[in-house]
N, C-alpha and C. Protein backbone atom coordinates (compact mmCIF):
# COMPACT_ATOMS: atom_id res chain seq x y z
N MET A 1 0.86 -1.14 0.00
CA MET A 1 0.00 0.00 0.00
C MET A 1 0.91 1.21 0.00
N PRO A 2 0.74 2.22 -0.68
CA PRO A 2 -0.51 2.85 -1.06
C PRO A 2 -0.97 2.49 -2.48
N ASN A 3 -2.19 2.87 -2.76
CA ASN A 3 -2.74 2.81 -4.10
C ASN A 3 -3.10 4.23 -4.51
N VAL A 4 -2.68 4.60 -5.70
CA VAL A 4 -3.00 5.91 -6.26
C VAL A 4 -3.84 5.64 -7.51
N ILE A 5 -5.08 6.10 -7.47
CA ILE A 5 -5.99 5.92 -8.59
C ILE A 5 -6.27 7.30 -9.17
N ILE A 6 -5.83 7.51 -10.40
CA ILE A 6 -5.96 8.82 -11.03
C ILE A 6 -7.08 8.78 -12.05
N GLU A 7 -8.04 9.68 -11.88
CA GLU A 7 -9.13 9.84 -12.85
C GLU A 7 -8.85 11.11 -13.65
N VAL A 8 -8.98 11.00 -14.97
CA VAL A 8 -8.71 12.12 -15.86
C VAL A 8 -9.98 12.41 -16.65
N SER A 9 -10.44 13.64 -16.62
CA SER A 9 -11.72 13.97 -17.23
C SER A 9 -11.75 13.76 -18.74
N HIS A 10 -10.64 13.96 -19.41
CA HIS A 10 -10.60 13.83 -20.86
C HIS A 10 -9.37 13.00 -21.24
N ASP A 11 -9.57 11.98 -22.04
CA ASP A 11 -8.49 11.05 -22.33
C ASP A 11 -7.30 11.67 -23.05
N HIS A 12 -7.47 12.79 -23.72
CA HIS A 12 -6.35 13.41 -24.42
C HIS A 12 -5.47 14.29 -23.52
N LEU A 13 -5.83 14.45 -22.25
CA LEU A 13 -5.00 15.27 -21.35
C LEU A 13 -3.67 14.60 -21.02
N ILE A 14 -3.67 13.30 -20.93
CA ILE A 14 -2.47 12.57 -20.52
C ILE A 14 -2.00 11.74 -21.71
N SER A 15 -1.08 12.28 -22.48
CA SER A 15 -0.60 11.57 -23.67
C SER A 15 0.44 10.51 -23.31
N GLN A 16 1.04 10.61 -22.14
CA GLN A 16 2.05 9.65 -21.72
C GLN A 16 1.70 9.12 -20.32
N PRO A 17 0.64 8.30 -20.23
CA PRO A 17 0.18 7.85 -18.91
C PRO A 17 1.21 7.05 -18.14
N ASP A 18 2.03 6.24 -18.82
CA ASP A 18 3.04 5.46 -18.11
C ASP A 18 4.06 6.38 -17.42
N ASN A 19 4.39 7.48 -18.07
CA ASN A 19 5.31 8.45 -17.45
C ASN A 19 4.69 9.10 -16.23
N LEU A 20 3.39 9.40 -16.29
CA LEU A 20 2.72 9.99 -15.13
C LEU A 20 2.68 9.00 -13.97
N LEU A 21 2.36 7.75 -14.24
CA LEU A 21 2.33 6.75 -13.17
C LEU A 21 3.71 6.58 -12.54
N ALA A 22 4.74 6.53 -13.38
CA ALA A 22 6.10 6.41 -12.85
C ALA A 22 6.46 7.61 -11.99
N ARG A 23 6.08 8.80 -12.44
CA ARG A 23 6.39 10.01 -11.68
C ARG A 23 5.66 10.00 -10.34
N ALA A 24 4.40 9.59 -10.32
CA ALA A 24 3.64 9.52 -9.07
C ALA A 24 4.31 8.54 -8.10
N ASN A 25 4.66 7.36 -8.58
CA ASN A 25 5.31 6.37 -7.71
C ASN A 25 6.68 6.86 -7.26
N ASP A 26 7.43 7.43 -8.19
CA ASP A 26 8.79 7.90 -7.87
C ASP A 26 8.77 9.03 -6.84
N THR A 27 7.72 9.83 -6.84
CA THR A 27 7.67 10.94 -5.88
C THR A 27 7.29 10.47 -4.48
N LEU A 28 6.60 9.33 -4.37
CA LEU A 28 6.22 8.80 -3.06
C LEU A 28 7.36 8.03 -2.40
N TRP A 29 8.14 7.32 -3.18
CA TRP A 29 9.16 6.44 -2.63
C TRP A 29 10.17 7.17 -1.72
N PRO A 30 10.74 8.32 -2.12
CA PRO A 30 11.75 8.96 -1.27
C PRO A 30 11.19 9.49 0.06
N SER A 31 9.89 9.48 0.24
CA SER A 31 9.32 9.97 1.50
C SER A 31 9.71 9.09 2.68
N GLY A 32 10.12 7.85 2.40
CA GLY A 32 10.51 6.94 3.47
C GLY A 32 9.33 6.32 4.21
N ASN A 33 8.13 6.46 3.67
CA ASN A 33 6.94 5.95 4.34
C ASN A 33 6.55 4.54 3.94
N PHE A 34 7.28 3.92 3.02
CA PHE A 34 6.88 2.62 2.51
C PHE A 34 8.07 1.67 2.54
N LYS A 35 7.80 0.40 2.89
CA LYS A 35 8.87 -0.58 3.08
C LYS A 35 9.47 -1.05 1.77
N LEU A 36 8.62 -1.31 0.79
CA LEU A 36 9.07 -1.83 -0.49
C LEU A 36 8.59 -0.94 -1.63
N GLN A 37 9.41 -0.81 -2.66
CA GLN A 37 8.97 -0.04 -3.82
C GLN A 37 7.71 -0.65 -4.42
N SER A 38 7.61 -1.96 -4.38
CA SER A 38 6.44 -2.64 -4.95
C SER A 38 5.17 -2.43 -4.14
N ASP A 39 5.29 -1.82 -2.97
CA ASP A 39 4.09 -1.48 -2.19
C ASP A 39 3.30 -0.35 -2.86
N ILE A 40 3.97 0.47 -3.65
CA ILE A 40 3.34 1.64 -4.27
C ILE A 40 2.73 1.21 -5.60
N LYS A 41 1.42 1.37 -5.71
CA LYS A 41 0.69 0.96 -6.92
C LYS A 41 -0.10 2.15 -7.43
N SER A 42 -0.16 2.28 -8.75
CA SER A 42 -0.92 3.40 -9.31
C SER A 42 -1.56 2.96 -10.62
N ARG A 43 -2.63 3.65 -10.98
CA ARG A 43 -3.33 3.40 -12.24
C ARG A 43 -4.12 4.63 -12.64
N ILE A 44 -4.47 4.69 -13.92
CA ILE A 44 -5.21 5.82 -14.47
C ILE A 44 -6.50 5.30 -15.11
N TYR A 45 -7.58 6.04 -14.87
CA TYR A 45 -8.87 5.74 -15.50
C TYR A 45 -9.40 6.97 -16.20
N TYR A 46 -10.08 6.72 -17.30
CA TYR A 46 -10.74 7.79 -18.05
C TYR A 46 -12.23 7.50 -18.05
N PRO A 47 -13.05 8.31 -17.41
CA PRO A 47 -14.49 8.06 -17.40
C PRO A 47 -15.09 8.23 -18.79
N ASN A 48 -16.15 7.49 -19.06
CA ASN A 48 -16.83 7.58 -20.36
C ASN A 48 -17.64 8.86 -20.51
N HIS A 49 -18.15 9.36 -19.41
CA HIS A 49 -19.02 10.54 -19.44
C HIS A 49 -18.57 11.51 -18.37
N VAL A 50 -18.39 12.77 -18.75
CA VAL A 50 -17.89 13.79 -17.84
C VAL A 50 -18.67 15.07 -18.07
N LEU A 51 -19.01 15.74 -16.99
CA LEU A 51 -19.62 17.07 -17.06
C LEU A 51 -18.96 17.94 -16.01
N VAL A 52 -18.42 19.07 -16.41
CA VAL A 52 -17.84 20.03 -15.49
C VAL A 52 -18.74 21.25 -15.52
N GLY A 53 -19.35 21.57 -14.39
CA GLY A 53 -20.26 22.71 -14.33
C GLY A 53 -21.66 22.32 -14.74
N LEU A 54 -22.41 23.30 -15.21
CA LEU A 54 -23.80 23.11 -15.59
C LEU A 54 -23.93 23.01 -17.10
N THR A 55 -24.94 22.28 -17.55
CA THR A 55 -25.14 22.14 -18.99
C THR A 55 -25.55 23.45 -19.63
N ASP A 56 -26.21 24.33 -18.88
CA ASP A 56 -26.69 25.59 -19.45
C ASP A 56 -25.91 26.79 -18.91
N SER A 57 -24.66 26.55 -18.51
CA SER A 57 -23.89 27.64 -17.89
C SER A 57 -23.47 28.71 -18.89
N GLY A 58 -23.47 28.37 -20.18
CA GLY A 58 -23.05 29.35 -21.18
C GLY A 58 -21.56 29.56 -21.21
N ASN A 59 -20.83 28.82 -20.39
CA ASN A 59 -19.38 28.96 -20.32
C ASN A 59 -18.74 28.17 -21.46
N GLU A 60 -18.11 28.85 -22.38
CA GLU A 60 -17.49 28.19 -23.52
C GLU A 60 -16.04 27.78 -23.24
N ALA A 61 -15.49 28.18 -22.09
CA ALA A 61 -14.11 27.86 -21.76
C ALA A 61 -13.97 26.36 -21.51
N TYR A 62 -12.83 25.83 -21.91
CA TYR A 62 -12.52 24.43 -21.71
C TYR A 62 -12.21 24.21 -20.23
N GLU A 63 -12.82 23.20 -19.64
CA GLU A 63 -12.55 22.87 -18.25
C GLU A 63 -12.29 21.38 -18.14
N ALA A 64 -11.33 21.02 -17.31
CA ALA A 64 -10.96 19.62 -17.15
C ALA A 64 -10.47 19.41 -15.72
N PHE A 65 -10.31 18.14 -15.37
CA PHE A 65 -9.79 17.83 -14.05
C PHE A 65 -8.98 16.55 -14.06
N VAL A 66 -8.09 16.49 -13.08
CA VAL A 66 -7.37 15.27 -12.75
C VAL A 66 -7.61 15.07 -11.26
N MET A 67 -8.24 13.95 -10.91
CA MET A 67 -8.58 13.64 -9.52
C MET A 67 -7.83 12.39 -9.12
N ALA A 68 -6.98 12.51 -8.12
CA ALA A 68 -6.25 11.34 -7.62
C ALA A 68 -6.84 10.91 -6.29
N HIS A 69 -7.16 9.63 -6.22
CA HIS A 69 -7.61 9.02 -4.97
C HIS A 69 -6.41 8.28 -4.40
N PHE A 70 -6.07 8.59 -3.17
CA PHE A 70 -4.85 8.09 -2.55
C PHE A 70 -5.25 7.26 -1.33
N TYR A 71 -5.07 5.94 -1.42
CA TYR A 71 -5.45 5.03 -0.34
C TYR A 71 -4.18 4.54 0.34
N LEU A 72 -4.17 4.60 1.68
CA LEU A 72 -3.02 4.11 2.40
C LEU A 72 -3.42 3.50 3.74
N MET A 73 -2.53 2.71 4.28
CA MET A 73 -2.78 2.02 5.54
C MET A 73 -2.76 3.02 6.70
N PRO A 74 -3.44 2.67 7.79
CA PRO A 74 -3.46 3.57 8.95
C PRO A 74 -2.10 3.65 9.63
N GLY A 75 -1.96 4.66 10.48
CA GLY A 75 -0.75 4.79 11.28
C GLY A 75 0.07 6.02 10.96
N ARG A 76 -0.40 6.86 10.04
CA ARG A 76 0.34 8.07 9.70
C ARG A 76 -0.43 9.29 10.23
N ASP A 77 0.30 10.29 10.68
CA ASP A 77 -0.37 11.49 11.18
C ASP A 77 -0.84 12.36 10.01
N ASP A 78 -1.68 13.33 10.32
CA ASP A 78 -2.26 14.20 9.29
C ASP A 78 -1.20 14.94 8.48
N ALA A 79 -0.15 15.39 9.13
CA ALA A 79 0.90 16.13 8.42
C ALA A 79 1.59 15.24 7.39
N THR A 80 1.82 13.98 7.73
CA THR A 80 2.45 13.05 6.79
C THR A 80 1.53 12.77 5.62
N ILE A 81 0.25 12.53 5.91
CA ILE A 81 -0.73 12.26 4.85
C ILE A 81 -0.83 13.46 3.92
N GLN A 82 -0.88 14.66 4.48
CA GLN A 82 -0.94 15.89 3.68
C GLN A 82 0.30 16.02 2.80
N SER A 83 1.44 15.73 3.35
CA SER A 83 2.69 15.81 2.60
C SER A 83 2.70 14.82 1.43
N LEU A 84 2.23 13.60 1.66
CA LEU A 84 2.18 12.60 0.60
C LEU A 84 1.19 13.00 -0.49
N ALA A 85 0.03 13.51 -0.08
CA ALA A 85 -0.97 13.97 -1.05
C ALA A 85 -0.43 15.14 -1.88
N GLN A 86 0.29 16.05 -1.24
CA GLN A 86 0.89 17.18 -1.96
C GLN A 86 1.93 16.70 -2.96
N ARG A 87 2.68 15.67 -2.60
CA ARG A 87 3.67 15.10 -3.53
C ARG A 87 2.98 14.60 -4.80
N ILE A 88 1.84 13.95 -4.63
CA ILE A 88 1.10 13.43 -5.78
C ILE A 88 0.59 14.59 -6.64
N ALA A 89 -0.01 15.60 -6.01
CA ALA A 89 -0.50 16.77 -6.75
C ALA A 89 0.63 17.45 -7.51
N ASP A 90 1.78 17.61 -6.87
CA ASP A 90 2.92 18.25 -7.51
C ASP A 90 3.44 17.41 -8.68
N ALA A 91 3.42 16.08 -8.53
CA ALA A 91 3.87 15.20 -9.61
C ALA A 91 2.95 15.31 -10.82
N ILE A 92 1.65 15.38 -10.58
CA ILE A 92 0.69 15.52 -11.68
C ILE A 92 0.91 16.85 -12.39
N LYS A 93 1.04 17.91 -11.62
CA LYS A 93 1.26 19.24 -12.22
C LYS A 93 2.55 19.27 -13.03
N ALA A 94 3.63 18.74 -12.47
CA ALA A 94 4.91 18.73 -13.18
C ALA A 94 4.82 17.92 -14.47
N HIS A 95 4.12 16.81 -14.42
CA HIS A 95 3.95 15.99 -15.62
C HIS A 95 3.20 16.76 -16.70
N LEU A 96 2.11 17.38 -16.31
CA LEU A 96 1.32 18.14 -17.28
C LEU A 96 2.14 19.28 -17.88
N GLN A 97 2.92 19.95 -17.06
CA GLN A 97 3.73 21.05 -17.56
C GLN A 97 4.85 20.56 -18.47
N GLU A 98 5.37 19.38 -18.21
CA GLU A 98 6.49 18.88 -19.00
C GLU A 98 6.06 18.21 -20.30
N PHE A 99 4.99 17.42 -20.26
CA PHE A 99 4.65 16.58 -21.40
C PHE A 99 3.41 16.98 -22.18
N GLU A 100 2.55 17.77 -21.60
CA GLU A 100 1.25 18.00 -22.22
C GLU A 100 1.18 19.35 -22.90
N SER A 101 1.85 19.50 -24.00
CA SER A 101 1.87 20.79 -24.68
C SER A 101 0.58 21.09 -25.42
N GLU A 102 -0.31 20.11 -25.59
CA GLU A 102 -1.55 20.33 -26.32
C GLU A 102 -2.77 20.44 -25.42
N VAL A 103 -2.56 20.69 -24.14
CA VAL A 103 -3.70 20.91 -23.25
C VAL A 103 -4.37 22.20 -23.67
N PRO A 104 -5.67 22.16 -23.98
CA PRO A 104 -6.35 23.38 -24.41
C PRO A 104 -6.33 24.46 -23.34
N VAL A 105 -6.39 25.69 -23.78
CA VAL A 105 -6.44 26.81 -22.84
C VAL A 105 -7.75 26.74 -22.07
N GLY A 106 -7.67 26.93 -20.80
CA GLY A 106 -8.86 26.89 -19.96
C GLY A 106 -8.47 26.52 -18.54
N SER A 107 -9.42 25.97 -17.83
CA SER A 107 -9.22 25.66 -16.42
C SER A 107 -8.97 24.17 -16.24
N LEU A 108 -7.97 23.85 -15.45
CA LEU A 108 -7.67 22.47 -15.10
C LEU A 108 -7.55 22.38 -13.59
N GLN A 109 -8.35 21.52 -12.98
CA GLN A 109 -8.29 21.31 -11.54
C GLN A 109 -7.50 20.04 -11.27
N ILE A 110 -6.55 20.10 -10.35
CA ILE A 110 -5.84 18.92 -9.88
C ILE A 110 -6.20 18.75 -8.41
N CYS A 111 -6.79 17.60 -8.08
CA CYS A 111 -7.23 17.33 -6.72
C CYS A 111 -6.67 15.98 -6.25
N VAL A 112 -6.34 15.88 -4.98
CA VAL A 112 -5.91 14.62 -4.40
C VAL A 112 -6.70 14.42 -3.11
N ASN A 113 -7.38 13.29 -3.01
CA ASN A 113 -8.13 12.95 -1.81
C ASN A 113 -7.50 11.72 -1.19
N SER A 114 -7.16 11.81 0.08
CA SER A 114 -6.55 10.67 0.76
C SER A 114 -7.60 9.93 1.58
N THR A 115 -7.48 8.62 1.59
CA THR A 115 -8.36 7.76 2.37
C THR A 115 -7.50 6.79 3.16
N THR A 116 -7.65 6.79 4.46
CA THR A 116 -6.95 5.83 5.30
C THR A 116 -7.82 4.59 5.41
N LEU A 117 -7.25 3.47 5.06
CA LEU A 117 -8.00 2.21 5.08
C LEU A 117 -8.22 1.72 6.50
N SER A 118 -9.17 0.86 6.65
CA SER A 118 -9.48 0.25 7.94
C SER A 118 -8.32 -0.62 8.40
N ALA A 119 -8.16 -0.74 9.68
CA ALA A 119 -7.16 -1.66 10.22
C ALA A 119 -7.52 -3.11 9.89
N ASN A 120 -8.75 -3.35 9.44
CA ASN A 120 -9.20 -4.68 9.06
C ASN A 120 -8.92 -5.00 7.59
N TYR A 121 -8.21 -4.15 6.91
CA TYR A 121 -7.84 -4.37 5.52
C TYR A 121 -7.13 -5.71 5.39
N VAL A 122 -7.45 -6.46 4.36
CA VAL A 122 -6.85 -7.78 4.14
C VAL A 122 -6.06 -7.75 2.83
N LYS A 123 -4.86 -8.28 2.88
CA LYS A 123 -4.00 -8.36 1.71
C LYS A 123 -3.39 -9.75 1.68
N GLN A 124 -3.41 -10.38 0.53
CA GLN A 124 -2.82 -11.70 0.38
C GLN A 124 -1.93 -11.72 -0.84
N TYR A 125 -0.87 -12.49 -0.77
CA TYR A 125 0.01 -12.71 -1.92
C TYR A 125 -0.24 -14.10 -2.45
N VAL A 126 -0.33 -14.22 -3.75
CA VAL A 126 -0.49 -15.51 -4.40
C VAL A 126 0.62 -15.64 -5.43
N GLU A 127 1.37 -16.70 -5.36
CA GLU A 127 2.45 -16.91 -6.32
C GLU A 127 2.03 -17.99 -7.31
N PHE A 128 2.24 -17.70 -8.57
CA PHE A 128 1.94 -18.65 -9.64
C PHE A 128 3.24 -19.13 -10.26
N LYS A 129 3.29 -20.39 -10.54
CA LYS A 129 4.51 -20.96 -11.15
C LYS A 129 4.18 -21.61 -12.46
């Protein structure tokens, strides 16, 4: 653990998703909060239907969002969780600034929500040969 699930409002915003996932994982690892590099997992989803604002708002400006859901095991204080969430937000912003030269002019929201899992969380490893 942790799991970082990134939702992107429009599939053309992230032209290099593997680079974004690597950047998100790479930014969490140096924090020293995880035992193994393989504990950090991330993925990207693109919803089929998205609406930002109201259908009759009359706003012609392009609006988009990147929402990261950050799940981690209990035992970290609020300051640590905030720091980890900020690392993810900063990684997303840096990726967009570096690789996404075709992002349309308009508003882009980057949000990270952290969720601490229950102490009853179950994890199992299965090895296949």
